[in-house]
């Protein structure tokens, strides 16, 4: 199996988030548990979305319409598109950082759901049931 740089970047970002000690940036399990309603997943989707999806231009200027779930001060995304060809190393590095943040937020949301419902309980749900329910939305039959 080849090396997964992406998984490594996501794990590194999640460790960084959990180690932060700056005021207002203590991303502990307790803090993450306060983010209900899928807000961490929504923020992850915003970080993962390419600029062309996240922003649209209207006659009166740039408008964001991507559903960022928190106050604007927490939105650290790049505010301009990648140059044509997308081969500028600075912009590629920024894009990789945004994708790592998205992955780390997804990991935090998964961890929150496991804590909420008990890891052991969720691990006992047969995978074929999970896949069937995910495909057809059948929440009644198990």
C-alpha atoms as a PDB file:
ATOM      1  CA  UNK A   1       0.000   0.000   0.000  1.00  0.00           C
ATOM      2  CA  UNK A   2       1.321   3.441  -0.884  1.00  0.00           C
ATOM      3  CA  UNK A   3       1.815   6.160   1.697  1.00  0.00           C
ATOM      4  CA  UNK A   4      -1.283   8.246   2.499  1.00  0.00           C
ATOM      5  CA  UNK A   5      -0.116  11.827   2.799  1.00  0.00           C
ATOM      6  CA  UNK A   6      -3.725  12.978   3.156  1.00  0.00           C
ATOM      7  CA  UNK A   7      -4.513  10.781   6.156  1.00  0.00           C
ATOM      8  CA  UNK A   8      -1.248  11.897   7.756  1.00  0.00           C
ATOM      9  CA  UNK A   9      -2.103  15.579   7.223  1.00  0.00           C
ATOM     10  CA  UNK A  10      -5.584  15.088   8.714  1.00  0.00           C
ATOM     11  CA  UNK A  11      -4.204  13.287  11.778  1.00  0.00           C
ATOM     12  CA  UNK A  12      -1.556  16.003  12.239  1.00  0.00           C
ATOM     13  CA  UNK A  13      -4.206  18.739  12.022  1.00  0.00           C
ATOM     14  CA  UNK A  14      -6.464  16.971  14.525  1.00  0.00           C
ATOM     15  CA  UNK A  15      -3.550  16.620  16.968  1.00  0.00           C
ATOM     16  CA  UNK A  16      -2.756  20.315  16.475  1.00  0.00           C
ATOM     17  CA  UNK A  17      -6.366  21.300  17.177  1.00  0.00           C
ATOM     18  CA  UNK A  18      -6.478  19.229  20.339  1.00  0.00           C
ATOM     19  CA  UNK A  19      -3.144  20.645  21.586  1.00  0.00           C
ATOM     20  CA  UNK A  20      -4.056  24.332  21.156  1.00  0.00           C
ATOM     21  CA  UNK A  21      -3.885  26.358  24.317  1.00  0.00           C
ATOM     22  CA  UNK A  22      -4.792  29.776  22.910  1.00  0.00           C
ATOM     23  CA  UNK A  23      -7.759  31.512  24.565  1.00  0.00           C
ATOM     24  CA  UNK A  24     -10.983  30.395  22.930  1.00  0.00           C
ATOM     25  CA  UNK A  25      -9.240  27.651  20.962  1.00  0.00           C
ATOM     26  CA  UNK A  26      -9.286  24.687  23.332  1.00  0.00           C
ATOM     27  CA  UNK A  27     -10.660  22.035  21.019  1.00  0.00           C
ATOM     28  CA  UNK A  28     -11.258  19.373  23.637  1.00  0.00           C
ATOM     29  CA  UNK A  29     -13.799  16.565  23.512  1.00  0.00           C
ATOM     30  CA  UNK A  30     -15.957  18.592  25.905  1.00  0.00           C
ATOM     31  CA  UNK A  31     -15.825  21.590  23.579  1.00  0.00           C
ATOM     32  CA  UNK A  32     -16.612  19.470  20.535  1.00  0.00           C
ATOM     33  CA  UNK A  33     -19.603  17.946  22.334  1.00  0.00           C
ATOM     34  CA  UNK A  34     -21.179  21.409  22.441  1.00  0.00           C
ATOM     35  CA  UNK A  35     -21.316  21.501  18.626  1.00  0.00           C
ATOM     36  CA  UNK A  36     -24.561  19.676  17.966  1.00  0.00           C
ATOM     37  CA  UNK A  37     -26.690  19.594  14.853  1.00  0.00           C
ATOM     38  CA  UNK A  38     -23.857  18.691  12.520  1.00  0.00           C
ATOM     39  CA  UNK A  39     -22.092  22.057  12.700  1.00  0.00           C
ATOM     40  CA  UNK A  40     -18.611  20.515  12.646  1.00  0.00           C
ATOM     41  CA  UNK A  41     -19.560  18.513   9.549  1.00  0.00           C
ATOM     42  CA  UNK A  42     -20.971  21.681   7.942  1.00  0.00           C
ATOM     43  CA  UNK A  43     -17.741  23.554   8.652  1.00  0.00           C
ATOM     44  CA  UNK A  44     -15.787  20.619   7.213  1.00  0.00           C
ATOM     45  CA  UNK A  45     -17.865  20.767   4.038  1.00  0.00           C
ATOM     46  CA  UNK A  46     -17.117  24.484   3.755  1.00  0.00           C
ATOM     47  CA  UNK A  47     -13.365  23.912   4.149  1.00  0.00           C
ATOM     48  CA  UNK A  48     -13.471  21.067   1.629  1.00  0.00           C
ATOM     49  CA  UNK A  49     -15.486  22.941  -0.999  1.00  0.00           C
ATOM     50  CA  UNK A  50     -13.392  24.518  -3.728  1.00  0.00           C
ATOM     51  CA  UNK A  51     -13.559  28.281  -4.016  1.00  0.00           C
ATOM     52  CA  UNK A  52     -15.839  28.126  -7.058  1.00  0.00           C
ATOM     53  CA  UNK A  53     -18.533  26.387  -4.995  1.00  0.00           C
ATOM     54  CA  UNK A  54     -18.048  28.340  -1.780  1.00  0.00           C
ATOM     55  CA  UNK A  55     -18.357  31.789  -3.316  1.00  0.00           C
ATOM     56  CA  UNK A  56     -20.463  33.374  -6.015  1.00  0.00           C
ATOM     57  CA  UNK A  57     -20.187  36.863  -7.471  1.00  0.00           C
ATOM     58  CA  UNK A  58     -23.266  39.063  -7.537  1.00  0.00           C
ATOM     59  CA  UNK A  59     -23.596  42.555  -9.051  1.00  0.00           C
ATOM     60  CA  UNK A  60     -22.910  44.195  -5.685  1.00  0.00           C
ATOM     61  CA  UNK A  61     -19.760  42.145  -4.999  1.00  0.00           C
ATOM     62  CA  UNK A  62     -18.694  38.835  -3.567  1.00  0.00           C
ATOM     63  CA  UNK A  63     -21.315  36.959  -1.550  1.00  0.00           C
ATOM     64  CA  UNK A  64     -20.696  33.810   0.394  1.00  0.00           C
ATOM     65  CA  UNK A  65     -23.482  31.295   0.293  1.00  0.00           C
ATOM     66  CA  UNK A  66     -21.960  28.114   1.625  1.00  0.00           C
ATOM     67  CA  UNK A  67     -23.533  27.735   5.053  1.00  0.00           C
ATOM     68  CA  UNK A  68     -20.562  28.476   7.308  1.00  0.00           C
ATOM     69  CA  UNK A  69     -22.056  27.478  10.692  1.00  0.00           C
ATOM     70  CA  UNK A  70     -20.137  29.753  13.055  1.00  0.00           C
ATOM     71  CA  UNK A  71     -19.228  33.401  13.476  1.00  0.00           C
ATOM     72  CA  UNK A  72     -17.101  34.846  10.681  1.00  0.00           C
ATOM     73  CA  UNK A  73     -14.101  35.265  13.002  1.00  0.00           C
ATOM     74  CA  UNK A  74     -13.657  31.460  12.982  1.00  0.00           C
ATOM     75  CA  UNK A  75     -13.689  31.218   9.189  1.00  0.00           C
ATOM     76  CA  UNK A  76     -10.039  30.890   8.151  1.00  0.00           C
ATOM     77  CA  UNK A  77     -10.549  29.785   4.556  1.00  0.00           C
ATOM     78  CA  UNK A  78      -8.652  31.157   1.576  1.00  0.00           C
ATOM     79  CA  UNK A  79     -10.622  33.943  -0.077  1.00  0.00           C
ATOM     80  CA  UNK A  80      -9.387  33.689  -3.639  1.00  0.00           C
ATOM     81  CA  UNK A  81      -9.342  30.986  -6.281  1.00  0.00           C
ATOM     82  CA  UNK A  82      -6.330  28.952  -7.257  1.00  0.00           C
ATOM     83  CA  UNK A  83      -4.513  30.384 -10.275  1.00  0.00           C
ATOM     84  CA  UNK A  84      -5.312  28.759 -13.599  1.00  0.00           C
ATOM     85  CA  UNK A  85      -3.635  25.418 -13.758  1.00  0.00           C
ATOM     86  CA  UNK A  86      -3.550  25.228  -9.988  1.00  0.00           C
ATOM     87  CA  UNK A  87       0.195  24.674  -9.843  1.00  0.00           C
ATOM     88  CA  UNK A  88       1.210  27.581  -7.607  1.00  0.00           C
ATOM     89  CA  UNK A  89       2.901  25.919  -4.603  1.00  0.00           C
ATOM     90  CA  UNK A  90       1.700  28.563  -2.127  1.00  0.00           C
ATOM     91  CA  UNK A  91      -1.936  28.158  -3.108  1.00  0.00           C
ATOM     92  CA  UNK A  92      -1.643  24.370  -3.252  1.00  0.00           C
ATOM     93  CA  UNK A  93      -0.186  24.379   0.271  1.00  0.00           C
ATOM     94  CA  UNK A  94      -3.078  26.532   1.483  1.00  0.00           C
ATOM     95  CA  UNK A  95      -5.572  24.218  -0.211  1.00  0.00           C
ATOM     96  CA  UNK A  96      -3.995  21.154   1.398  1.00  0.00           C
ATOM     97  CA  UNK A  97      -4.252  22.883   4.812  1.00  0.00           C
ATOM     98  CA  UNK A  98      -7.945  23.588   4.209  1.00  0.00           C
ATOM     99  CA  UNK A  99      -8.592  19.968   3.264  1.00  0.00           C
ATOM    100  CA  UNK A 100      -6.693  18.786   6.355  1.00  0.00           C
ATOM    101  CA  UNK A 101      -8.882  21.045   8.500  1.00  0.00           C
ATOM    102  CA  UNK A 102     -11.959  19.592   6.801  1.00  0.00           C
ATOM    103  CA  UNK A 103     -10.802  16.052   7.531  1.00  0.00           C
ATOM    104  CA  UNK A 104      -9.959  16.908  11.133  1.00  0.00           C
ATOM    105  CA  UNK A 105     -13.414  18.420  11.622  1.00  0.00           C
ATOM    106  CA  UNK A 106     -14.990  15.249  10.201  1.00  0.00           C
ATOM    107  CA  UNK A 107     -12.889  13.171  12.622  1.00  0.00           C
ATOM    108  CA  UNK A 108     -14.027  15.405  15.501  1.00  0.00           C
ATOM    109  CA  UNK A 109     -17.673  14.959  14.465  1.00  0.00           C
ATOM    110  CA  UNK A 110     -17.267  11.179  14.269  1.00  0.00           C
ATOM    111  CA  UNK A 111     -15.664  11.162  17.727  1.00  0.00           C
ATOM    112  CA  UNK A 112     -18.516  13.307  19.081  1.00  0.00           C
ATOM    113  CA  UNK A 113     -21.124  10.906  17.706  1.00  0.00           C
ATOM    114  CA  UNK A 114     -19.330   7.927  19.204  1.00  0.00           C
ATOM    115  CA  UNK A 115     -19.234   9.658  22.600  1.00  0.00           C
ATOM    116  CA  UNK A 116     -22.874  10.645  22.294  1.00  0.00           C
ATOM    117  CA  UNK A 117     -24.131   7.160  21.496  1.00  0.00           C
ATOM    118  CA  UNK A 118     -21.481   4.996  23.092  1.00  0.00           C
ATOM    119  CA  UNK A 119     -18.774   3.526  20.929  1.00  0.00           C
ATOM    120  CA  UNK A 120     -19.664  -0.045  21.871  1.00  0.00           C
ATOM    121  CA  UNK A 121     -23.319   0.380  20.910  1.00  0.00           C
ATOM    122  CA  UNK A 122     -22.510   1.826  17.497  1.00  0.00           C
ATOM    123  CA  UNK A 123     -19.886  -0.791  16.757  1.00  0.00           C
ATOM    124  CA  UNK A 124     -22.488  -3.549  17.248  1.00  0.00           C
ATOM    125  CA  UNK A 125     -24.732  -2.323  14.420  1.00  0.00           C
ATOM    126  CA  UNK A 126     -24.113  -4.710  11.497  1.00  0.00           C
ATOM    127  CA  UNK A 127     -22.528  -2.951   8.536  1.00  0.00           C
ATOM    128  CA  UNK A 128     -25.086  -4.366   6.105  1.00  0.00           C
ATOM    129  CA  UNK A 129     -27.863  -2.665   8.133  1.00  0.00           C
ATOM    130  CA  UNK A 130     -25.985   0.631   8.077  1.00  0.00           C
ATOM    131  CA  UNK A 131     -25.499   0.396   4.307  1.00  0.00           C
ATOM    132  CA  UNK A 132     -29.124  -0.572   3.653  1.00  0.00           C
ATOM    133  CA  UNK A 133     -30.503   2.236   5.807  1.00  0.00           C
ATOM    134  CA  UNK A 134     -28.117   4.705   4.201  1.00  0.00           C
ATOM    135  CA  UNK A 135     -29.298   3.716   0.720  1.00  0.00           C
ATOM    136  CA  UNK A 136     -33.053   3.617   1.168  1.00  0.00           C
ATOM    137  CA  UNK A 137     -33.688   5.676   4.299  1.00  0.00           C
ATOM    138  CA  UNK A 138     -35.462   2.750   5.995  1.00  0.00           C
ATOM    139  CA  UNK A 139     -35.231   3.704   9.646  1.00  0.00           C
ATOM    140  CA  UNK A 140     -38.095   1.418  10.724  1.00  0.00           C
ATOM    141  CA  UNK A 141     -36.888  -2.082   9.876  1.00  0.00           C
ATOM    142  CA  UNK A 142     -33.708  -3.458  11.350  1.00  0.00           C
END
